[in-house]
Amino acid sequence: MRTLCASTLIGEVFVIGFAGLVAMKDPDLSMATVWTVSGVAMLLCVLLCGVVTRPGGVQLGWALQIALIASGFVVPTMFLLGAIFAALWWASVHYGRKVDEAKARFAAQAEQEHKPA
């Protein structure tokens, strides 16, 4: 699960960075505000890569997905991109857990086969 979720989060780092560039064009927003918010969000994505398998990690990821969708109020394209990344996040968590379960089954099966009788 960790690999799939981390891949999604790293993709989000780039999307958030590009959204920050678009948001800079808004005359109502200061450059400091845009890059503080974007920078914090990008840092959270990178940090979340390391804690996604810990308790609460997936929930933090969902909170980040909601924030990404909500950023559409500043950059309208982010409504669509946020929804796409939320779907990718769901797929990463869902299929990542299935892969982890399959790995555990195969490891247990291999251990049983290699045990001396």
PDB file of N, CA and C in Angstrom:
ATOM      1  N   MET A   1       0.830  -1.184   0.000  1.00  0.00           N
ATOM      2  CA  MET A   1       0.000   0.000   0.000  1.00  0.00           C
ATOM      3  C   MET A   1       0.872   1.244   0.000  1.00  0.00           C
ATOM      4  N   ARG A   2       1.973   1.157   0.705  1.00  0.00           N
ATOM      5  CA  ARG A   2       2.825   2.330   0.857  1.00  0.00           C
ATOM      6  C   ARG A   2       3.304   2.866  -0.495  1.00  0.00           C
ATOM      7  N   THR A   3       3.705   1.958  -1.379  1.00  0.00           N
ATOM      8  CA  THR A   3       4.239   2.382  -2.670  1.00  0.00           C
ATOM      9  C   THR A   3       3.178   3.071  -3.513  1.00  0.00           C
ATOM     10  N   LEU A   4       1.987   2.487  -3.581  1.00  0.00           N
ATOM     11  CA  LEU A   4       0.918   3.092  -4.383  1.00  0.00           C
ATOM     12  C   LEU A   4       0.504   4.447  -3.826  1.00  0.00           C
ATOM     13  N   CYS A   5       0.339   4.521  -2.515  1.00  0.00           N
ATOM     14  CA  CYS A   5      -0.072   5.795  -1.894  1.00  0.00           C
ATOM     15  C   CYS A   5       1.012   6.858  -2.052  1.00  0.00           C
ATOM     16  N   ALA A   6       2.270   6.459  -1.871  1.00  0.00           N
ATOM     17  CA  ALA A   6       3.362   7.427  -2.018  1.00  0.00           C
ATOM     18  C   ALA A   6       3.443   7.946  -3.448  1.00  0.00           C
ATOM     19  N   SER A   7       3.201   7.081  -4.415  1.00  0.00           N
ATOM     20  CA  SER A   7       3.219   7.516  -5.814  1.00  0.00           C
ATOM     21  C   SER A   7       2.131   8.556  -6.077  1.00  0.00           C
ATOM     22  N   THR A   8       0.962   8.325  -5.529  1.00  0.00           N
ATOM     23  CA  THR A   8      -0.140   9.281  -5.680  1.00  0.00           C
ATOM     24  C   THR A   8       0.231  10.610  -5.031  1.00  0.00           C
ATOM     25  N   LEU A   9       0.792  10.545  -3.839  1.00  0.00           N
ATOM     26  CA  LEU A   9       1.138  11.773  -3.117  1.00  0.00           C
ATOM     27  C   LEU A   9       2.234  12.568  -3.831  1.00  0.00           C
ATOM     28  N   ILE A  10       3.213  11.872  -4.403  1.00  0.00           N
ATOM     29  CA  ILE A  10       4.265  12.589  -5.130  1.00  0.00           C
ATOM     30  C   ILE A  10       3.683  13.254  -6.378  1.00  0.00           C
ATOM     31  N   GLY A  11       2.745  12.597  -7.040  1.00  0.00           N
ATOM     32  CA  GLY A  11       2.054  13.232  -8.168  1.00  0.00           C
ATOM     33  C   GLY A  11       1.332  14.490  -7.731  1.00  0.00           C
ATOM     34  N   GLU A  12       0.744  14.435  -6.541  1.00  0.00           N
ATOM     35  CA  GLU A  12       0.030  15.598  -6.015  1.00  0.00           C
ATOM     36  C   GLU A  12       0.976  16.758  -5.724  1.00  0.00           C
ATOM     37  N   VAL A  13       2.202  16.459  -5.335  1.00  0.00           N
ATOM     38  CA  VAL A  13       3.178  17.531  -5.083  1.00  0.00           C
ATOM     39  C   VAL A  13       3.324  18.392  -6.337  1.00  0.00           C
ATOM     40  N   PHE A  14       3.460  17.734  -7.483  1.00  0.00           N
ATOM     41  CA  PHE A  14       3.624  18.474  -8.736  1.00  0.00           C
ATOM     42  C   PHE A  14       2.352  19.245  -9.095  1.00  0.00           C
ATOM     43  N   VAL A  15       1.210  18.627  -8.919  1.00  0.00           N
ATOM     44  CA  VAL A  15      -0.057  19.299  -9.237  1.00  0.00           C
ATOM     45  C   VAL A  15      -0.252  20.518  -8.348  1.00  0.00           C
ATOM     46  N   ILE A  16       0.064  20.390  -7.071  1.00  0.00           N
ATOM     47  CA  ILE A  16      -0.069  21.530  -6.150  1.00  0.00           C
ATOM     48  C   ILE A  16       0.890  22.650  -6.547  1.00  0.00           C
ATOM     49  N   GLY A  17       2.101  22.285  -6.933  1.00  0.00           N
ATOM     50  CA  GLY A  17       3.066  23.295  -7.370  1.00  0.00           C
ATOM     51  C   GLY A  17       2.577  24.052  -8.601  1.00  0.00           C
ATOM     52  N   PHE A  18       2.058  23.304  -9.569  1.00  0.00           N
ATOM     53  CA  PHE A  18       1.533  23.966 -10.770  1.00  0.00           C
ATOM     54  C   PHE A  18       0.294  24.801 -10.454  1.00  0.00           C
ATOM     55  N   ALA A  19      -0.545  24.325  -9.551  1.00  0.00           N
ATOM     56  CA  ALA A  19      -1.723  25.107  -9.149  1.00  0.00           C
ATOM     57  C   ALA A  19      -1.279  26.400  -8.466  1.00  0.00           C
ATOM     58  N   GLY A  20      -0.179  26.330  -7.725  1.00  0.00           N
ATOM     59  CA  GLY A  20       0.359  27.543  -7.108  1.00  0.00           C
ATOM     60  C   GLY A  20       0.776  28.563  -8.153  1.00  0.00           C
ATOM     61  N   LEU A  21       1.369  28.081  -9.234  1.00  0.00           N
ATOM     62  CA  LEU A  21       1.756  28.990 -10.319  1.00  0.00           C
ATOM     63  C   LEU A  21       0.532  29.654 -10.940  1.00  0.00           C
ATOM     64  N   VAL A  22      -0.534  28.876 -11.103  1.00  0.00           N
ATOM     65  CA  VAL A  22      -1.773  29.443 -11.657  1.00  0.00           C
ATOM     66  C   VAL A  22      -2.388  30.432 -10.670  1.00  0.00           C
ATOM     67  N   ALA A  23      -2.384  30.097  -9.387  1.00  0.00           N
ATOM     68  CA  ALA A  23      -2.990  30.965  -8.370  1.00  0.00           C
ATOM     69  C   ALA A  23      -2.256  32.298  -8.247  1.00  0.00           C
ATOM     70  N   MET A  24      -0.980  32.319  -8.610  1.00  0.00           N
ATOM     71  CA  MET A  24      -0.228  33.579  -8.542  1.00  0.00           C
ATOM     72  C   MET A  24      -0.815  34.637  -9.471  1.00  0.00           C
ATOM     73  N   LYS A  25      -1.529  34.219 -10.498  1.00  0.00           N
ATOM     74  CA  LYS A  25      -2.131  35.160 -11.449  1.00  0.00           C
ATOM     75  C   LYS A  25      -3.320  35.894 -10.856  1.00  0.00           C
ATOM     76  N   ASP A  26      -3.857  35.401  -9.731  1.00  0.00           N
ATOM     77  CA  ASP A  26      -5.011  36.032  -9.084  1.00  0.00           C
ATOM     78  C   ASP A  26      -4.556  37.307  -8.367  1.00  0.00           C
ATOM     79  N   PRO A  27      -5.067  38.457  -8.768  1.00  0.00           N
ATOM     80  CA  PRO A  27      -4.612  39.715  -8.159  1.00  0.00           C
ATOM     81  C   PRO A  27      -5.030  39.865  -6.690  1.00  0.00           C
ATOM     82  N   ASP A  28      -6.017  39.089  -6.257  1.00  0.00           N
ATOM     83  CA  ASP A  28      -6.463  39.175  -4.864  1.00  0.00           C
ATOM     84  C   ASP A  28      -5.575  38.388  -3.899  1.00  0.00           C
ATOM     85  N   LEU A  29      -4.679  37.584  -4.414  1.00  0.00           N
ATOM     86  CA  LEU A  29      -3.817  36.759  -3.569  1.00  0.00           C
ATOM     87  C   LEU A  29      -2.381  37.248  -3.636  1.00  0.00           C
ATOM     88  N   SER A  30      -1.749  37.321  -2.477  1.00  0.00           N
ATOM     89  CA  SER A  30      -0.341  37.705  -2.470  1.00  0.00           C
ATOM     90  C   SER A  30       0.512  36.477  -2.776  1.00  0.00           C
ATOM     91  N   MET A  31       1.680  36.730  -3.318  1.00  0.00           N
ATOM     92  CA  MET A  31       2.585  35.639  -3.646  1.00  0.00           C
ATOM     93  C   MET A  31       2.974  34.878  -2.379  1.00  0.00           C
ATOM     94  N   ALA A  32       3.143  35.588  -1.274  1.00  0.00           N
ATOM     95  CA  ALA A  32       3.503  34.939  -0.012  1.00  0.00           C
ATOM     96  C   ALA A  32       2.408  33.985   0.453  1.00  0.00           C
ATOM     97  N   THR A  33       1.169  34.402   0.324  1.00  0.00           N
ATOM     98  CA  THR A  33       0.049  33.543   0.730  1.00  0.00           C
ATOM     99  C   THR A  33      -0.018  32.303  -0.145  1.00  0.00           C
ATOM    100  N   VAL A  34       0.072  32.492  -1.460  1.00  0.00           N
ATOM    101  CA  VAL A  34      -0.011  31.362  -2.388  1.00  0.00           C
ATOM    102  C   VAL A  34       1.074  30.347  -2.086  1.00  0.00           C
ATOM    103  N   TRP A  35       2.316  30.802  -1.917  1.00  0.00           N
ATOM    104  CA  TRP A  35       3.415  29.854  -1.742  1.00  0.00           C
ATOM    105  C   TRP A  35       3.498  29.310  -0.332  1.00  0.00           C
ATOM    106  N   THR A  36       2.952  30.022   0.642  1.00  0.00           N
ATOM    107  CA  THR A  36       2.880  29.445   1.987  1.00  0.00           C
ATOM    108  C   THR A  36       1.899  28.282   1.990  1.00  0.00           C
ATOM    109  N   VAL A  37       0.724  28.508   1.435  1.00  0.00           N
ATOM    110  CA  VAL A  37      -0.290  27.446   1.395  1.00  0.00           C
ATOM    111  C   VAL A  37       0.175  26.295   0.512  1.00  0.00           C
ATOM    112  N   SER A  38       0.670  26.611  -0.670  1.00  0.00           N
ATOM    113  CA  SER A  38       1.140  25.565  -1.581  1.00  0.00           C
ATOM    114  C   SER A  38       2.325  24.805  -0.989  1.00  0.00           C
ATOM    115  N   GLY A  39       3.247  25.535  -0.405  1.00  0.00           N
ATOM    116  CA  GLY A  39       4.433  24.900   0.184  1.00  0.00           C
ATOM    117  C   GLY A  39       4.082  23.969   1.332  1.00  0.00           C
ATOM    118  N   VAL A  40       3.179  24.406   2.192  1.00  0.00           N
ATOM    119  CA  VAL A  40       2.750  23.555   3.310  1.00  0.00           C
ATOM    120  C   VAL A  40       2.059  22.302   2.776  1.00  0.00           C
ATOM    121  N   ALA A  41       1.192  22.463   1.778  1.00  0.00           N
ATOM    122  CA  ALA A  41       0.491  21.314   1.208  1.00  0.00           C
ATOM    123  C   ALA A  41       1.470  20.347   0.544  1.00  0.00           C
ATOM    124  N   MET A  42       2.458  20.878  -0.170  1.00  0.00           N
ATOM    125  CA  MET A  42       3.446  20.017  -0.814  1.00  0.00           C
ATOM    126  C   MET A  42       4.293  19.297   0.230  1.00  0.00           C
ATOM    127  N   LEU A  43       4.673  19.995   1.296  1.00  0.00           N
ATOM    128  CA  LEU A  43       5.437  19.369   2.365  1.00  0.00           C
ATOM    129  C   LEU A  43       4.624  18.274   3.053  1.00  0.00           C
ATOM    130  N   LEU A  44       3.343  18.531   3.275  1.00  0.00           N
ATOM    131  CA  LEU A  44       2.480  17.511   3.875  1.00  0.00           C
ATOM    132  C   LEU A  44       2.400  16.265   3.005  1.00  0.00           C
ATOM    133  N   CYS A  45       2.335  16.444   1.700  1.00  0.00           N
ATOM    134  CA  CYS A  45       2.308  15.288   0.802  1.00  0.00           C
ATOM    135  C   CYS A  45       3.564  14.441   0.960  1.00  0.00           C
ATOM    136  N   VAL A  46       4.707  15.104   0.991  1.00  0.00           N
ATOM    137  CA  VAL A  46       5.974  14.374   1.114  1.00  0.00           C
ATOM    138  C   VAL A  46       6.071  13.692   2.485  1.00  0.00           C
ATOM    139  N   LEU A  47       5.697  14.392   3.538  1.00  0.00           N
ATOM    140  CA  LEU A  47       5.752  13.792   4.873  1.00  0.00           C
ATOM    141  C   LEU A  47       4.767  12.632   5.010  1.00  0.00           C
ATOM    142  N   LEU A  48       3.623  12.772   4.381  1.00  0.00           N
ATOM    143  CA  LEU A  48       2.610  11.722   4.454  1.00  0.00           C
ATOM    144  C   LEU A  48       3.079  10.436   3.775  1.00  0.00           C
ATOM    145  N   CYS A  49       3.971  10.555   2.807  1.00  0.00           N
ATOM    146  CA  CYS A  49       4.536   9.362   2.169  1.00  0.00           C
ATOM    147  C   CYS A  49       5.183   8.446   3.208  1.00  0.00           C
ATOM    148  N   GLY A  50       5.782   9.017   4.219  1.00  0.00           N
ATOM    149  CA  GLY A  50       6.474   8.231   5.237  1.00  0.00           C
ATOM    150  C   GLY A  50       5.578   7.698   6.330  1.00  0.00           C
ATOM    151  N   VAL A  51       4.404   8.271   6.511  1.00  0.00           N
ATOM    152  CA  VAL A  51       3.546   7.853   7.630  1.00  0.00           C
ATOM    153  C   VAL A  51       2.224   7.248   7.177  1.00  0.00           C
ATOM    154  N   VAL A  52       2.086   6.976   5.884  1.00  0.00           N
ATOM    155  CA  VAL A  52       0.800   6.500   5.366  1.00  0.00           C
ATOM    156  C   VAL A  52       0.408   5.145   5.952  1.00  0.00           C
ATOM    157  N   THR A  53       1.369   4.332   6.330  1.00  0.00           N
ATOM    158  CA  THR A  53       1.039   3.008   6.876  1.00  0.00           C
ATOM    159  C   THR A  53       0.856   3.035   8.391  1.00  0.00           C
ATOM    160  N   ARG A  54       1.095   4.150   8.997  1.00  0.00           N
ATOM    161  CA  ARG A  54       0.890   4.265  10.448  1.00  0.00           C
ATOM    162  C   ARG A  54      -0.567   4.590  10.744  1.00  0.00           C
ATOM    163  N   PRO A  55      -0.985   4.371  11.991  1.00  0.00           N
ATOM    164  CA  PRO A  55      -2.381   4.693  12.334  1.00  0.00           C
ATOM    165  C   PRO A  55      -2.710   6.161  12.019  1.00  0.00           C
ATOM    166  N   GLY A  56      -3.803   6.362  11.344  1.00  0.00           N
ATOM    167  CA  GLY A  56      -4.235   7.714  10.990  1.00  0.00           C
ATOM    168  C   GLY A  56      -3.654   8.229   9.688  1.00  0.00           C
ATOM    169  N   GLY A  57      -2.706   7.527   9.104  1.00  0.00           N
ATOM    170  CA  GLY A  57      -2.069   7.992   7.876  1.00  0.00           C
ATOM    171  C   GLY A  57      -3.027   8.081   6.703  1.00  0.00           C
ATOM    172  N   VAL A  58      -3.846   7.068   6.540  1.00  0.00           N
ATOM    173  CA  VAL A  58      -4.807   7.065   5.436  1.00  0.00           C
ATOM    174  C   VAL A  58      -5.836   8.181   5.638  1.00  0.00           C
ATOM    175  N   GLN A  59      -6.252   8.390   6.880  1.00  0.00           N
ATOM    176  CA  GLN A  59      -7.224   9.451   7.164  1.00  0.00           C
ATOM    177  C   GLN A  59      -6.628  10.827   6.867  1.00  0.00           C
ATOM    178  N   LEU A  60      -5.364  11.015   7.192  1.00  0.00           N
ATOM    179  CA  LEU A  60      -4.705  12.280   6.834  1.00  0.00           C
ATOM    180  C   LEU A  60      -4.668  12.457   5.321  1.00  0.00           C
ATOM    181  N   GLY A  61      -4.458  11.356   4.622  1.00  0.00           N
ATOM    182  CA  GLY A  61      -4.470  11.404   3.162  1.00  0.00           C
ATOM    183  C   GLY A  61      -5.826  11.832   2.628  1.00  0.00           C
ATOM    184  N   TRP A  62      -6.897  11.316   3.249  1.00  0.00           N
ATOM    185  CA  TRP A  62      -8.241  11.731   2.836  1.00  0.00           C
ATOM    186  C   TRP A  62      -8.470  13.214   3.106  1.00  0.00           C
ATOM    187  N   ALA A  63      -7.984  13.697   4.237  1.00  0.00           N
ATOM    188  CA  ALA A  63      -8.110  15.128   4.548  1.00  0.00           C
ATOM    189  C   ALA A  63      -7.382  15.965   3.494  1.00  0.00           C
ATOM    190  N   LEU A  64      -6.233  15.486   3.072  1.00  0.00           N
ATOM    191  CA  LEU A  64      -5.479  16.184   2.028  1.00  0.00           C
ATOM    192  C   LEU A  64      -6.255  16.176   0.707  1.00  0.00           C
ATOM    193  N   GLN A  65      -6.919  15.069   0.404  1.00  0.00           N
ATOM    194  CA  GLN A  65      -7.708  14.994  -0.832  1.00  0.00           C
ATOM    195  C   GLN A  65      -8.861  15.993  -0.795  1.00  0.00           C
ATOM    196  N   ILE A  66      -9.505  16.106   0.344  1.00  0.00           N
ATOM    197  CA  ILE A  66     -10.604  17.072   0.489  1.00  0.00           C
ATOM    198  C   ILE A  66     -10.085  18.501   0.315  1.00  0.00           C
ATOM    199  N   ALA A  67      -8.929  18.781   0.914  1.00  0.00           N
ATOM    200  CA  ALA A  67      -8.335  20.117   0.766  1.00  0.00           C
ATOM    201  C   ALA A  67      -7.960  20.391  -0.691  1.00  0.00           C
ATOM    202  N   LEU A  68      -7.489  19.365  -1.376  1.00  0.00           N
ATOM    203  CA  LEU A  68      -7.120  19.532  -2.783  1.00  0.00           C
ATOM    204  C   LEU A  68      -8.350  19.860  -3.626  1.00  0.00           C
ATOM    205  N   ILE A  69      -9.461  19.174  -3.359  1.00  0.00           N
ATOM    206  CA  ILE A  69     -10.702  19.479  -4.079  1.00  0.00           C
ATOM    207  C   ILE A  69     -11.181  20.888  -3.725  1.00  0.00           C
ATOM    208  N   ALA A  70     -11.108  21.240  -2.449  1.00  0.00           N
ATOM    209  CA  ALA A  70     -11.558  22.570  -2.004  1.00  0.00           C
ATOM    210  C   ALA A  70     -10.711  23.687  -2.603  1.00  0.00           C
ATOM    211  N   SER A  71      -9.473  23.385  -2.992  1.00  0.00           N
ATOM    212  CA  SER A  71      -8.638  24.417  -3.612  1.00  0.00           C
ATOM    213  C   SER A  71      -9.203  24.859  -4.959  1.00  0.00           C
ATOM    214  N   GLY A  72     -10.211  24.133  -5.438  1.00  0.00           N
ATOM    215  CA  GLY A  72     -10.889  24.533  -6.667  1.00  0.00           C
ATOM    216  C   GLY A  72     -11.597  25.871  -6.552  1.00  0.00           C
ATOM    217  N   PHE A  73     -11.850  26.317  -5.326  1.00  0.00           N
ATOM    218  CA  PHE A  73     -12.461  27.633  -5.164  1.00  0.00           C
ATOM    219  C   PHE A  73     -11.480  28.747  -5.517  1.00  0.00           C
ATOM    220  N   VAL A  74     -10.189  28.426  -5.513  1.00  0.00           N
ATOM    221  CA  VAL A  74      -9.166  29.400  -5.896  1.00  0.00           C
ATOM    222  C   VAL A  74      -8.743  29.171  -7.349  1.00  0.00           C
ATOM    223  N   VAL A  75      -8.487  27.904  -7.681  1.00  0.00           N
ATOM    224  CA  VAL A  75      -8.107  27.520  -9.043  1.00  0.00           C
ATOM    225  C   VAL A  75      -9.152  26.512  -9.512  1.00  0.00           C
ATOM    226  N   PRO A  76     -10.134  26.932 -10.305  1.00  0.00           N
ATOM    227  CA  PRO A  76     -11.264  26.057 -10.648  1.00  0.00           C
ATOM    228  C   PRO A  76     -10.891  24.686 -11.230  1.00  0.00           C
ATOM    229  N   THR A  77      -9.800  24.607 -11.939  1.00  0.00           N
ATOM    230  CA  THR A  77      -9.367  23.326 -12.497  1.00  0.00           C
ATOM    231  C   THR A  77      -9.095  22.291 -11.403  1.00  0.00           C
ATOM    232  N   MET A  78      -8.818  22.769 -10.204  1.00  0.00           N
ATOM    233  CA  MET A  78      -8.502  21.851  -9.108  1.00  0.00           C
ATOM    234  C   MET A  78      -9.718  21.050  -8.651  1.00  0.00           C
ATOM    235  N   PHE A  79     -10.925  21.489  -8.982  1.00  0.00           N
ATOM    236  CA  PHE A  79     -12.088  20.649  -8.688  1.00  0.00           C
ATOM    237  C   PHE A  79     -11.951  19.318  -9.418  1.00  0.00           C
ATOM    238  N   LEU A  80     -11.625  19.392 -10.701  1.00  0.00           N
ATOM    239  CA  LEU A  80     -11.460  18.181 -11.503  1.00  0.00           C
ATOM    240  C   LEU A  80     -10.214  17.404 -11.086  1.00  0.00           C
ATOM    241  N   LEU A  81      -9.082  18.095 -10.993  1.00  0.00           N
ATOM    242  CA  LEU A  81      -7.845  17.409 -10.627  1.00  0.00           C
ATOM    243  C   LEU A  81      -7.920  16.823  -9.219  1.00  0.00           C
ATOM    244  N   GLY A  82      -8.559  17.547  -8.308  1.00  0.00           N
ATOM    245  CA  GLY A  82      -8.726  17.029  -6.951  1.00  0.00           C
ATOM    246  C   GLY A  82      -9.571  15.773  -6.929  1.00  0.00           C
ATOM    247  N   ALA A  83     -10.630  15.755  -7.729  1.00  0.00           N
ATOM    248  CA  ALA A  83     -11.483  14.564  -7.812  1.00  0.00           C
ATOM    249  C   ALA A  83     -10.718  13.388  -8.416  1.00  0.00           C
ATOM    250  N   ILE A  84      -9.911  13.665  -9.425  1.00  0.00           N
ATOM    251  CA  ILE A  84      -9.097  12.601 -10.030  1.00  0.00           C
ATOM    252  C   ILE A  84      -8.128  12.038  -9.006  1.00  0.00           C
ATOM    253  N   PHE A  85      -7.456  12.916  -8.257  1.00  0.00           N
ATOM    254  CA  PHE A  85      -6.502  12.427  -7.269  1.00  0.00           C
ATOM    255  C   PHE A  85      -7.189  11.755  -6.087  1.00  0.00           C
ATOM    256  N   ALA A  86      -8.397  12.165  -5.760  1.00  0.00           N
ATOM    257  CA  ALA A  86      -9.146  11.461  -4.716  1.00  0.00           C
ATOM    258  C   ALA A  86      -9.465  10.038  -5.175  1.00  0.00           C
ATOM    259  N   ALA A  87      -9.822   9.889  -6.449  1.00  0.00           N
ATOM    260  CA  ALA A  87     -10.071   8.547  -6.996  1.00  0.00           C
ATOM    261  C   ALA A  87      -8.788   7.720  -7.009  1.00  0.00           C
ATOM    262  N   LEU A  88      -7.680   8.360  -7.365  1.00  0.00           N
ATOM    263  CA  LEU A  88      -6.389   7.653  -7.326  1.00  0.00           C
ATOM    264  C   LEU A  88      -6.024   7.259  -5.899  1.00  0.00           C
ATOM    265  N   TRP A  89      -6.331   8.127  -4.943  1.00  0.00           N
ATOM    266  CA  TRP A  89      -6.045   7.830  -3.537  1.00  0.00           C
ATOM    267  C   TRP A  89      -6.857   6.619  -3.084  1.00  0.00           C
ATOM    268  N   TRP A  90      -8.154   6.616  -3.447  1.00  0.00           N
ATOM    269  CA  TRP A  90      -8.997   5.471  -3.100  1.00  0.00           C
ATOM    270  C   TRP A  90      -8.429   4.186  -3.701  1.00  0.00           C
ATOM    271  N   ALA A  91      -8.055   4.241  -4.977  1.00  0.00           N
ATOM    272  CA  ALA A  91      -7.514   3.060  -5.646  1.00  0.00           C
ATOM    273  C   ALA A  91      -6.203   2.622  -5.004  1.00  0.00           C
ATOM    274  N   SER A  92      -5.362   3.569  -4.637  1.00  0.00           N
ATOM    275  CA  SER A  92      -4.085   3.239  -4.002  1.00  0.00           C
ATOM    276  C   SER A  92      -4.299   2.545  -2.671  1.00  0.00           C
ATOM    277  N   VAL A  93      -5.228   3.045  -1.881  1.00  0.00           N
ATOM    278  CA  VAL A  93      -5.508   2.442  -0.577  1.00  0.00           C
ATOM    279  C   VAL A  93      -6.178   1.078  -0.763  1.00  0.00           C
ATOM    280  N   HIS A  94      -7.199   1.027  -1.606  1.00  0.00           N
ATOM    281  CA  HIS A  94      -7.975  -0.202  -1.802  1.00  0.00           C
ATOM    282  C   HIS A  94      -7.101  -1.335  -2.360  1.00  0.00           C
ATOM    283  N   TYR A  95      -6.455  -1.071  -3.485  1.00  0.00           N
ATOM    284  CA  TYR A  95      -5.659  -2.117  -4.119  1.00  0.00           C
ATOM    285  C   TYR A  95      -4.336  -2.346  -3.391  1.00  0.00           C
ATOM    286  N   GLY A  96      -3.819  -1.315  -2.752  1.00  0.00           N
ATOM    287  CA  GLY A  96      -2.603  -1.491  -1.957  1.00  0.00           C
ATOM    288  C   GLY A  96      -2.818  -2.450  -0.800  1.00  0.00           C
ATOM    289  N   ARG A  97      -3.973  -2.357  -0.158  1.00  0.00           N
ATOM    290  CA  ARG A  97      -4.291  -3.295   0.926  1.00  0.00           C
ATOM    291  C   ARG A  97      -4.432  -4.714   0.396  1.00  0.00           C
ATOM    292  N   LYS A  98      -5.035  -4.861  -0.790  1.00  0.00           N
ATOM    293  CA  LYS A  98      -5.167  -6.187  -1.389  1.00  0.00           C
ATOM    294  C   LYS A  98      -3.793  -6.776  -1.709  1.00  0.00           C
ATOM    295  N   VAL A  99      -2.900  -5.964  -2.223  1.00  0.00           N
ATOM    296  CA  VAL A  99      -1.546  -6.428  -2.519  1.00  0.00           C
ATOM    297  C   VAL A  99      -0.828  -6.833  -1.227  1.00  0.00           C
ATOM    298  N   ASP A 100      -0.976  -6.025  -0.185  1.00  0.00           N
ATOM    299  CA  ASP A 100      -0.351  -6.358   1.099  1.00  0.00           C
ATOM    300  C   ASP A 100      -0.878  -7.678   1.653  1.00  0.00           C
ATOM    301  N   GLU A 101      -2.194  -7.904   1.535  1.00  0.00           N
ATOM    302  CA  GLU A 101      -2.783  -9.160   2.005  1.00  0.00           C
ATOM    303  C   GLU A 101      -2.258 -10.341   1.197  1.00  0.00           C
ATOM    304  N   ALA A 102      -2.150 -10.172  -0.114  1.00  0.00           N
ATOM    305  CA  ALA A 102      -1.635 -11.252  -0.963  1.00  0.00           C
ATOM    306  C   ALA A 102      -0.178 -11.556  -0.627  1.00  0.00           C
ATOM    307  N   LYS A 103       0.624 -10.523  -0.399  1.00  0.00           N
ATOM    308  CA  LYS A 103       2.024 -10.730  -0.014  1.00  0.00           C
ATOM    309  C   LYS A 103       2.121 -11.507   1.286  1.00  0.00           C
ATOM    310  N   ALA A 104       1.274 -11.148   2.251  1.00  0.00           N
ATOM    311  CA  ALA A 104       1.286 -11.843   3.544  1.00  0.00           C
ATOM    312  C   ALA A 104       0.893 -13.307   3.360  1.00  0.00           C
ATOM    313  N   ARG A 105      -0.111 -13.584   2.530  1.00  0.00           N
ATOM    314  CA  ARG A 105      -0.519 -14.972   2.274  1.00  0.00           C
ATOM    315  C   ARG A 105       0.605 -15.760   1.621  1.00  0.00           C
ATOM    316  N   PHE A 106       1.251 -15.172   0.617  1.00  0.00           N
ATOM    317  CA  PHE A 106       2.343 -15.861  -0.071  1.00  0.00           C
ATOM    318  C   PHE A 106       3.516 -16.100   0.867  1.00  0.00           C
ATOM    319  N   ALA A 107       3.814 -15.129   1.728  1.00  0.00           N
ATOM    320  CA  ALA A 107       4.910 -15.300   2.682  1.00  0.00           C
ATOM    321  C   ALA A 107       4.595 -16.413   3.673  1.00  0.00           C
ATOM    322  N   ALA A 108       3.352 -16.459   4.150  1.00  0.00           N
ATOM    323  CA  ALA A 108       2.961 -17.521   5.085  1.00  0.00           C
ATOM    324  C   ALA A 108       2.993 -18.878   4.396  1.00  0.00           C
ATOM    325  N   GLN A 109       2.554 -18.924   3.152  1.00  0.00           N
ATOM    326  CA  GLN A 109       2.570 -20.179   2.395  1.00  0.00           C
ATOM    327  C   GLN A 109       4.008 -20.637   2.155  1.00  0.00           C
ATOM    328  N   ALA A 110       4.889 -19.722   1.796  1.00  0.00           N
ATOM    329  CA  ALA A 110       6.288 -20.075   1.568  1.00  0.00           C
ATOM    330  C   ALA A 110       6.942 -20.561   2.857  1.00  0.00           C
ATOM    331  N   GLU A 111       6.584 -19.929   3.978  1.00  0.00           N
ATOM    332  CA  GLU A 111       7.143 -20.343   5.262  1.00  0.00           C
ATOM    333  C   GLU A 111       6.693 -21.758   5.610  1.00  0.00           C
ATOM    334  N   GLN A 112       5.428 -22.071   5.343  1.00  0.00           N
ATOM    335  CA  GLN A 112       4.905 -23.408   5.599  1.00  0.00           C
ATOM    336  C   GLN A 112       5.594 -24.445   4.729  1.00  0.00           C
ATOM    337  N   GLU A 113       5.878 -24.118   3.491  1.00  0.00           N
ATOM    338  CA  GLU A 113       6.511 -25.055   2.577  1.00  0.00           C
ATOM    339  C   GLU A 113       7.965 -25.319   2.938  1.00  0.00           C
ATOM    340  N   HIS A 114       8.620 -24.368   3.547  1.00  0.00           N
ATOM    341  CA  HIS A 114      10.038 -24.505   3.872  1.00  0.00           C
ATOM    342  C   HIS A 114      10.298 -24.997   5.290  1.00  0.00           C
ATOM    343  N   LYS A 115       9.236 -25.257   6.045  1.00  0.00           N
ATOM    344  CA  LYS A 115       9.419 -25.770   7.393  1.00  0.00           C
ATOM    345  C   LYS A 115       9.800 -27.242   7.320  1.00  0.00           C
ATOM    346  N   PRO A 116      10.795 -27.629   8.120  1.00  0.00           N
ATOM    347  CA  PRO A 116      11.147 -29.059   8.137  1.00  0.00           C
ATOM    348  C   PRO A 116      10.030 -29.854   8.834  1.00  0.00           C
ATOM    349  N   ALA A 117       9.779 -31.034   8.327  1.00  0.00           N
ATOM    350  CA  ALA A 117       8.707 -31.862   8.883  1.00  0.00           C
ATOM    351  C   ALA A 117       9.087 -32.585  10.128  1.00  0.00           C
TER     352      ALA A 117
END
